[in-house]
């Protein structure tokens, strides 16, 4: 545990240790009773690397379109081709992640706590569409 004042003074050290040595830091602000973690990028990626979604693909022949659905997030994509549906899904996931992260208390209160690990998994992809395809299991489509 590191007190906030100490963490502020040693911010370079905390950032370097958390990233280069994969060392997490628990930081406590006793004055405001707040607690936070600093965890480096590589360690965060390792925590979530095995987390993938199962994308369900359907060809709605009679309707003339494809759908791509991620049940883990309840997010849909749609297009006149499979690729368009996947691209629409990727955009829908990115939009949902952005909105979820901006409104975490709302979504947790709305019964979507189970979405949180997936939200962070997509967030750590930092908009990399190929990595998002991997997480969705649709790279080879």
N, C-alpha and C. Protein backbone atom coordinates (compact mmCIF):
# COMPACT_ATOMS: atom_id res chain seq x y z
N UNK A 1 0.84 -1.17 0.00
CA UNK A 1 0.00 0.00 0.00
C UNK A 1 0.89 1.23 0.00
N UNK A 2 0.46 2.22 -0.74
CA UNK A 2 1.19 3.48 -0.83
C UNK A 2 0.18 4.60 -0.60
N UNK A 3 0.56 5.54 0.24
CA UNK A 3 -0.32 6.69 0.46
C UNK A 3 -0.27 7.61 -0.75
N UNK A 4 -1.35 8.32 -0.98
CA UNK A 4 -1.49 9.17 -2.15
C UNK A 4 -0.36 10.19 -2.27
N UNK A 5 -0.02 10.84 -1.18
CA UNK A 5 1.05 11.84 -1.22
C UNK A 5 2.36 11.24 -1.68
N UNK A 6 2.68 10.05 -1.19
CA UNK A 6 3.90 9.35 -1.60
C UNK A 6 3.81 8.96 -3.07
N UNK A 7 2.66 8.49 -3.50
CA UNK A 7 2.47 8.09 -4.91
C UNK A 7 2.64 9.28 -5.84
N UNK A 8 2.14 10.44 -5.44
CA UNK A 8 2.30 11.65 -6.26
C UNK A 8 3.78 11.99 -6.43
N UNK A 9 4.53 11.90 -5.32
CA UNK A 9 5.96 12.23 -5.37
C UNK A 9 6.74 11.23 -6.21
N UNK A 10 6.27 9.98 -6.23
CA UNK A 10 6.99 8.91 -6.92
C UNK A 10 6.25 8.41 -8.16
N UNK A 11 5.50 9.28 -8.80
CA UNK A 11 4.68 8.86 -9.93
C UNK A 11 5.50 8.19 -11.03
N UNK A 12 6.64 8.74 -11.38
CA UNK A 12 7.49 8.11 -12.40
C UNK A 12 7.86 6.69 -11.99
N UNK A 13 8.23 6.51 -10.72
CA UNK A 13 8.59 5.19 -10.20
C UNK A 13 7.40 4.23 -10.29
N UNK A 14 6.23 4.69 -9.87
CA UNK A 14 5.02 3.86 -9.88
C UNK A 14 4.69 3.42 -11.31
N UNK A 15 4.74 4.36 -12.24
CA UNK A 15 4.44 4.04 -13.64
C UNK A 15 5.46 3.05 -14.20
N UNK A 16 6.73 3.30 -13.95
CA UNK A 16 7.78 2.39 -14.45
C UNK A 16 7.68 1.00 -13.84
N UNK A 17 7.51 0.92 -12.53
CA UNK A 17 7.42 -0.38 -11.86
C UNK A 17 6.19 -1.16 -12.31
N UNK A 18 5.08 -0.45 -12.46
CA UNK A 18 3.85 -1.13 -12.84
C UNK A 18 3.92 -1.66 -14.27
N UNK A 19 4.68 -1.00 -15.11
CA UNK A 19 4.79 -1.42 -16.51
C UNK A 19 5.98 -2.34 -16.77
N UNK A 20 7.14 -2.00 -16.24
CA UNK A 20 8.34 -2.79 -16.54
C UNK A 20 8.47 -4.04 -15.68
N UNK A 21 7.97 -3.97 -14.44
CA UNK A 21 8.10 -5.12 -13.54
C UNK A 21 6.76 -5.78 -13.24
N UNK A 22 5.71 -5.31 -13.92
CA UNK A 22 4.36 -5.85 -13.75
C UNK A 22 3.90 -5.81 -12.30
N UNK A 23 4.30 -4.78 -11.59
CA UNK A 23 3.97 -4.63 -10.17
C UNK A 23 2.74 -3.74 -10.01
N UNK A 24 1.69 -4.27 -9.42
CA UNK A 24 0.52 -3.42 -9.16
C UNK A 24 0.74 -2.59 -7.89
N UNK A 25 0.14 -1.43 -7.84
CA UNK A 25 0.22 -0.56 -6.67
C UNK A 25 -1.18 -0.27 -6.16
N UNK A 26 -1.34 -0.41 -4.87
CA UNK A 26 -2.58 -0.05 -4.19
C UNK A 26 -2.33 1.30 -3.53
N UNK A 27 -3.08 2.31 -3.93
CA UNK A 27 -2.86 3.67 -3.45
C UNK A 27 -4.07 4.10 -2.63
N UNK A 28 -3.77 4.64 -1.47
CA UNK A 28 -4.82 5.01 -0.52
C UNK A 28 -4.74 6.50 -0.20
N UNK A 29 -5.87 7.16 -0.33
CA UNK A 29 -6.01 8.56 0.06
C UNK A 29 -6.80 8.55 1.37
N UNK A 30 -6.07 8.56 2.48
CA UNK A 30 -6.73 8.46 3.79
C UNK A 30 -7.62 9.67 4.09
N UNK A 31 -7.22 10.82 3.60
CA UNK A 31 -7.97 12.04 3.87
C UNK A 31 -9.39 11.97 3.31
N UNK A 32 -9.55 11.38 2.11
CA UNK A 32 -10.86 11.29 1.47
C UNK A 32 -11.42 9.87 1.45
N UNK A 33 -10.75 8.94 2.11
CA UNK A 33 -11.16 7.54 2.17
C UNK A 33 -11.35 6.94 0.77
N UNK A 34 -10.42 7.28 -0.12
CA UNK A 34 -10.45 6.75 -1.48
C UNK A 34 -9.31 5.77 -1.68
N UNK A 35 -9.55 4.76 -2.50
CA UNK A 35 -8.55 3.73 -2.77
C UNK A 35 -8.53 3.46 -4.26
N UNK A 36 -7.34 3.32 -4.82
CA UNK A 36 -7.21 3.04 -6.25
C UNK A 36 -6.05 2.11 -6.50
N UNK A 37 -6.06 1.54 -7.70
CA UNK A 37 -4.97 0.66 -8.14
C UNK A 37 -4.29 1.27 -9.35
N UNK A 38 -2.99 1.09 -9.43
CA UNK A 38 -2.24 1.39 -10.65
C UNK A 38 -1.70 0.06 -11.13
N UNK A 39 -2.13 -0.33 -12.31
CA UNK A 39 -1.72 -1.61 -12.89
C UNK A 39 -1.24 -1.33 -14.31
N UNK A 40 -0.05 -1.79 -14.63
CA UNK A 40 0.53 -1.55 -15.94
C UNK A 40 -0.24 -2.22 -17.06
N UNK A 41 -0.03 -1.73 -18.25
CA UNK A 41 -0.74 -2.19 -19.43
C UNK A 41 -0.55 -3.69 -19.67
N UNK A 42 0.67 -4.18 -19.62
CA UNK A 42 0.92 -5.59 -19.92
C UNK A 42 0.20 -6.51 -18.93
N UNK A 43 0.22 -6.15 -17.66
CA UNK A 43 -0.46 -6.98 -16.67
C UNK A 43 -1.97 -6.96 -16.89
N UNK A 44 -2.51 -5.79 -17.21
CA UNK A 44 -3.95 -5.70 -17.50
C UNK A 44 -4.32 -6.56 -18.70
N UNK A 45 -3.49 -6.52 -19.74
CA UNK A 45 -3.76 -7.33 -20.92
C UNK A 45 -3.72 -8.82 -20.57
N UNK A 46 -2.78 -9.21 -19.72
CA UNK A 46 -2.69 -10.62 -19.30
C UNK A 46 -3.92 -11.04 -18.50
N UNK A 47 -4.44 -10.15 -17.70
CA UNK A 47 -5.63 -10.47 -16.90
C UNK A 47 -6.84 -10.79 -17.77
N UNK A 48 -6.92 -10.14 -18.93
CA UNK A 48 -8.10 -10.27 -19.77
C UNK A 48 -7.86 -11.02 -21.07
N UNK A 49 -6.64 -11.48 -21.34
CA UNK A 49 -6.33 -12.04 -22.65
C UNK A 49 -7.14 -13.29 -23.01
N UNK A 50 -7.57 -14.05 -22.05
CA UNK A 50 -8.36 -15.25 -22.35
C UNK A 50 -9.84 -14.99 -22.50
N UNK A 51 -10.26 -13.76 -22.32
CA UNK A 51 -11.67 -13.41 -22.36
C UNK A 51 -12.08 -13.08 -23.80
N UNK A 52 -12.90 -13.93 -24.37
CA UNK A 52 -13.38 -13.74 -25.74
C UNK A 52 -14.90 -13.87 -25.79
N UNK A 53 -15.47 -13.32 -26.81
CA UNK A 53 -16.92 -13.40 -27.02
C UNK A 53 -17.22 -14.47 -28.06
N UNK A 54 -18.44 -14.93 -28.03
CA UNK A 54 -18.91 -15.85 -29.07
C UNK A 54 -19.92 -15.09 -29.92
N UNK A 55 -19.50 -14.71 -31.09
CA UNK A 55 -20.36 -13.95 -31.98
C UNK A 55 -21.26 -14.90 -32.76
N UNK A 56 -22.54 -14.62 -32.74
CA UNK A 56 -23.52 -15.43 -33.47
C UNK A 56 -23.84 -14.71 -34.78
N UNK A 57 -23.65 -15.44 -35.87
CA UNK A 57 -23.87 -14.89 -37.20
C UNK A 57 -25.10 -15.55 -37.82
N UNK A 58 -25.97 -14.74 -38.40
CA UNK A 58 -27.14 -15.28 -39.09
C UNK A 58 -27.34 -14.57 -40.42
N UNK A 59 -27.70 -15.34 -41.42
CA UNK A 59 -28.05 -14.79 -42.73
C UNK A 59 -29.57 -14.79 -42.82
N UNK A 60 -30.15 -13.62 -42.76
CA UNK A 60 -31.60 -13.46 -42.85
C UNK A 60 -31.96 -13.39 -44.34
N UNK A 61 -31.95 -14.55 -45.00
CA UNK A 61 -32.11 -14.62 -46.46
C UNK A 61 -33.39 -13.92 -46.91
N UNK A 62 -34.50 -14.19 -46.27
CA UNK A 62 -35.77 -13.61 -46.69
C UNK A 62 -35.78 -12.09 -46.55
N UNK A 63 -35.04 -11.60 -45.57
CA UNK A 63 -34.99 -10.16 -45.33
C UNK A 63 -33.87 -9.48 -46.11
N UNK A 64 -32.90 -10.26 -46.57
CA UNK A 64 -31.82 -9.72 -47.38
C UNK A 64 -30.68 -9.08 -46.60
N UNK A 65 -30.46 -9.54 -45.37
CA UNK A 65 -29.34 -8.97 -44.62
C UNK A 65 -28.73 -10.02 -43.68
N UNK A 66 -27.55 -9.70 -43.19
CA UNK A 66 -26.83 -10.52 -42.22
C UNK A 66 -26.88 -9.83 -40.86
N UNK A 67 -26.89 -10.63 -39.80
CA UNK A 67 -26.77 -10.07 -38.46
C UNK A 67 -25.60 -10.73 -37.75
N UNK A 68 -24.98 -9.97 -36.87
CA UNK A 68 -23.90 -10.46 -36.01
C UNK A 68 -24.25 -10.01 -34.60
N UNK A 69 -24.31 -10.95 -33.68
CA UNK A 69 -24.78 -10.67 -32.32
C UNK A 69 -23.76 -11.16 -31.31
N UNK A 70 -23.49 -10.33 -30.30
CA UNK A 70 -22.60 -10.70 -29.19
C UNK A 70 -23.46 -10.81 -27.93
N UNK A 71 -23.80 -12.04 -27.52
CA UNK A 71 -24.67 -12.20 -26.35
C UNK A 71 -24.04 -11.69 -25.05
N UNK A 72 -22.70 -11.72 -24.95
CA UNK A 72 -22.04 -11.27 -23.73
C UNK A 72 -22.27 -9.78 -23.46
N UNK A 73 -22.57 -9.02 -24.51
CA UNK A 73 -22.82 -7.58 -24.36
C UNK A 73 -24.20 -7.15 -24.85
N UNK A 74 -24.94 -8.09 -25.44
CA UNK A 74 -26.24 -7.80 -26.02
C UNK A 74 -26.13 -6.68 -27.06
N UNK A 75 -25.16 -6.84 -27.98
CA UNK A 75 -24.90 -5.86 -29.02
C UNK A 75 -25.04 -6.53 -30.38
N UNK A 76 -25.63 -5.82 -31.33
CA UNK A 76 -25.91 -6.33 -32.67
C UNK A 76 -25.19 -5.52 -33.74
N UNK A 77 -24.91 -6.18 -34.84
CA UNK A 77 -24.47 -5.52 -36.06
C UNK A 77 -25.31 -6.07 -37.21
N UNK A 78 -25.46 -5.27 -38.25
CA UNK A 78 -26.29 -5.70 -39.37
C UNK A 78 -25.72 -5.12 -40.66
N UNK A 79 -25.84 -5.89 -41.75
CA UNK A 79 -25.37 -5.41 -43.03
C UNK A 79 -25.88 -6.27 -44.16
N UNK A 80 -25.75 -5.76 -45.38
CA UNK A 80 -26.22 -6.51 -46.54
C UNK A 80 -25.28 -7.65 -46.89
N UNK A 81 -24.04 -7.60 -46.35
CA UNK A 81 -23.09 -8.70 -46.50
C UNK A 81 -22.59 -9.09 -45.11
N UNK A 82 -21.98 -10.24 -45.02
CA UNK A 82 -21.41 -10.68 -43.75
C UNK A 82 -20.37 -9.67 -43.26
N UNK A 83 -19.50 -9.22 -44.15
CA UNK A 83 -18.46 -8.27 -43.75
C UNK A 83 -19.06 -6.96 -43.25
N UNK A 84 -20.11 -6.49 -43.90
CA UNK A 84 -20.77 -5.26 -43.44
C UNK A 84 -21.37 -5.46 -42.05
N UNK A 85 -21.96 -6.61 -41.82
CA UNK A 85 -22.54 -6.91 -40.50
C UNK A 85 -21.46 -6.94 -39.43
N UNK A 86 -20.31 -7.53 -39.74
CA UNK A 86 -19.20 -7.60 -38.78
C UNK A 86 -18.66 -6.19 -38.52
N UNK A 87 -18.47 -5.40 -39.56
CA UNK A 87 -17.98 -4.03 -39.38
C UNK A 87 -18.97 -3.20 -38.56
N UNK A 88 -20.26 -3.39 -38.81
CA UNK A 88 -21.29 -2.70 -38.03
C UNK A 88 -21.23 -3.14 -36.57
N UNK A 89 -21.02 -4.43 -36.35
CA UNK A 89 -20.89 -4.95 -34.98
C UNK A 89 -19.68 -4.35 -34.28
N UNK A 90 -18.56 -4.29 -34.96
CA UNK A 90 -17.35 -3.71 -34.36
C UNK A 90 -17.62 -2.27 -33.93
N UNK A 91 -18.26 -1.50 -34.79
CA UNK A 91 -18.58 -0.12 -34.45
C UNK A 91 -19.55 -0.05 -33.28
N UNK A 92 -20.54 -0.94 -33.28
CA UNK A 92 -21.52 -0.97 -32.18
C UNK A 92 -20.84 -1.30 -30.85
N UNK A 93 -19.90 -2.24 -30.87
CA UNK A 93 -19.16 -2.60 -29.66
C UNK A 93 -18.34 -1.41 -29.18
N UNK A 94 -17.63 -0.75 -30.09
CA UNK A 94 -16.82 0.41 -29.70
C UNK A 94 -17.70 1.52 -29.12
N UNK A 95 -18.84 1.76 -29.72
CA UNK A 95 -19.76 2.78 -29.20
C UNK A 95 -20.27 2.40 -27.82
N UNK A 96 -20.63 1.13 -27.64
CA UNK A 96 -21.15 0.67 -26.35
C UNK A 96 -20.08 0.80 -25.27
N UNK A 97 -18.85 0.43 -25.59
CA UNK A 97 -17.75 0.53 -24.62
C UNK A 97 -17.59 1.99 -24.18
N UNK A 98 -17.60 2.90 -25.13
CA UNK A 98 -17.44 4.32 -24.81
C UNK A 98 -18.55 4.82 -23.90
N UNK A 99 -19.78 4.48 -24.23
CA UNK A 99 -20.92 4.93 -23.44
C UNK A 99 -20.92 4.26 -22.06
N UNK A 100 -20.62 2.96 -22.02
CA UNK A 100 -20.59 2.22 -20.75
C UNK A 100 -19.56 2.86 -19.81
N UNK A 101 -18.34 3.10 -20.32
CA UNK A 101 -17.27 3.65 -19.47
C UNK A 101 -17.59 5.06 -18.99
N UNK A 102 -18.36 5.81 -19.76
CA UNK A 102 -18.75 7.16 -19.34
C UNK A 102 -19.89 7.14 -18.33
N UNK A 103 -20.54 5.97 -18.20
CA UNK A 103 -21.72 5.86 -17.32
C UNK A 103 -21.70 4.58 -16.50
N UNK A 104 -20.55 4.21 -15.98
CA UNK A 104 -20.41 2.94 -15.25
C UNK A 104 -21.44 2.78 -14.13
N UNK A 105 -21.64 3.77 -13.25
CA UNK A 105 -22.64 3.56 -12.19
C UNK A 105 -24.03 3.22 -12.72
N UNK A 106 -24.43 3.89 -13.80
CA UNK A 106 -25.74 3.60 -14.39
C UNK A 106 -25.82 2.14 -14.86
N UNK A 107 -24.83 1.70 -15.64
CA UNK A 107 -24.87 0.35 -16.19
C UNK A 107 -24.76 -0.72 -15.12
N UNK A 108 -23.98 -0.47 -14.09
CA UNK A 108 -23.90 -1.45 -13.00
C UNK A 108 -25.24 -1.52 -12.27
N UNK A 109 -25.88 -0.37 -12.10
CA UNK A 109 -27.19 -0.34 -11.45
C UNK A 109 -28.29 -0.92 -12.33
N UNK A 110 -28.06 -0.98 -13.63
CA UNK A 110 -29.06 -1.49 -14.57
C UNK A 110 -28.89 -3.00 -14.80
N UNK A 111 -28.10 -3.66 -13.96
CA UNK A 111 -27.95 -5.10 -14.06
C UNK A 111 -26.99 -5.56 -15.14
N UNK A 112 -26.04 -4.73 -15.51
CA UNK A 112 -25.11 -5.10 -16.57
C UNK A 112 -23.68 -5.30 -16.04
N UNK A 113 -23.60 -5.68 -14.78
CA UNK A 113 -22.30 -5.92 -14.17
C UNK A 113 -21.50 -6.98 -14.92
N UNK A 114 -22.19 -7.98 -15.46
CA UNK A 114 -21.49 -9.06 -16.18
C UNK A 114 -20.84 -8.57 -17.47
N UNK A 115 -21.21 -7.39 -17.94
CA UNK A 115 -20.59 -6.83 -19.13
C UNK A 115 -19.20 -6.25 -18.84
N UNK A 116 -18.96 -5.88 -17.59
CA UNK A 116 -17.76 -5.13 -17.25
C UNK A 116 -16.44 -5.76 -17.69
N UNK A 117 -16.19 -7.05 -17.46
CA UNK A 117 -14.91 -7.61 -17.93
C UNK A 117 -14.75 -7.50 -19.45
N UNK A 118 -15.83 -7.69 -20.18
CA UNK A 118 -15.78 -7.57 -21.64
C UNK A 118 -15.55 -6.12 -22.06
N UNK A 119 -16.18 -5.20 -21.35
CA UNK A 119 -15.98 -3.77 -21.63
C UNK A 119 -14.50 -3.43 -21.52
N UNK A 120 -13.87 -3.89 -20.43
CA UNK A 120 -12.45 -3.60 -20.25
C UNK A 120 -11.60 -4.33 -21.29
N UNK A 121 -11.98 -5.53 -21.65
CA UNK A 121 -11.23 -6.27 -22.67
C UNK A 121 -11.22 -5.50 -23.99
N UNK A 122 -12.37 -4.99 -24.40
CA UNK A 122 -12.44 -4.19 -25.62
C UNK A 122 -11.75 -2.84 -25.45
N UNK A 123 -11.86 -2.25 -24.28
CA UNK A 123 -11.20 -0.97 -24.01
C UNK A 123 -9.69 -1.10 -24.18
N UNK A 124 -9.12 -2.22 -23.70
CA UNK A 124 -7.68 -2.42 -23.80
C UNK A 124 -7.23 -2.68 -25.24
N UNK A 125 -8.15 -2.97 -26.12
CA UNK A 125 -7.79 -3.13 -27.54
C UNK A 125 -7.50 -1.77 -28.18
N UNK A 126 -7.87 -0.69 -27.52
CA UNK A 126 -7.57 0.68 -27.94
C UNK A 126 -7.96 0.95 -29.40
N UNK A 127 -9.11 0.42 -29.82
CA UNK A 127 -9.61 0.69 -31.16
C UNK A 127 -8.96 -0.14 -32.26
N UNK A 128 -8.07 -1.05 -31.90
CA UNK A 128 -7.41 -1.90 -32.90
C UNK A 128 -8.44 -2.89 -33.45
N UNK A 129 -8.88 -2.66 -34.68
CA UNK A 129 -9.97 -3.45 -35.25
C UNK A 129 -9.61 -4.93 -35.39
N UNK A 130 -8.36 -5.24 -35.68
CA UNK A 130 -7.95 -6.65 -35.80
C UNK A 130 -8.02 -7.34 -34.44
N UNK A 131 -7.60 -6.64 -33.40
CA UNK A 131 -7.70 -7.22 -32.06
C UNK A 131 -9.16 -7.37 -31.64
N UNK A 132 -9.97 -6.41 -32.00
CA UNK A 132 -11.41 -6.50 -31.70
C UNK A 132 -12.00 -7.70 -32.43
N UNK A 133 -11.61 -7.90 -33.68
CA UNK A 133 -12.07 -9.09 -34.43
C UNK A 133 -11.66 -10.37 -33.70
N UNK A 134 -10.44 -10.40 -33.18
CA UNK A 134 -9.99 -11.58 -32.43
C UNK A 134 -10.86 -11.82 -31.21
N UNK A 135 -11.13 -10.78 -30.46
CA UNK A 135 -11.96 -10.90 -29.25
C UNK A 135 -13.35 -11.40 -29.62
N UNK A 136 -13.86 -10.92 -30.74
CA UNK A 136 -15.20 -11.32 -31.20
C UNK A 136 -15.19 -12.70 -31.86
N UNK A 137 -14.01 -13.20 -32.19
CA UNK A 137 -13.91 -14.51 -32.87
C UNK A 137 -14.33 -14.44 -34.32
N UNK A 138 -14.12 -13.29 -34.96
CA UNK A 138 -14.55 -13.14 -36.36
C UNK A 138 -13.40 -12.71 -37.27
N UNK A 139 -12.17 -12.95 -36.87
CA UNK A 139 -11.03 -12.53 -37.70
C UNK A 139 -11.04 -13.21 -39.05
N UNK A 140 -11.35 -14.47 -39.08
CA UNK A 140 -11.23 -15.24 -40.33
C UNK A 140 -12.48 -15.20 -41.19
N UNK A 141 -13.47 -14.41 -40.86
CA UNK A 141 -14.69 -14.35 -41.68
C UNK A 141 -14.46 -13.53 -42.91
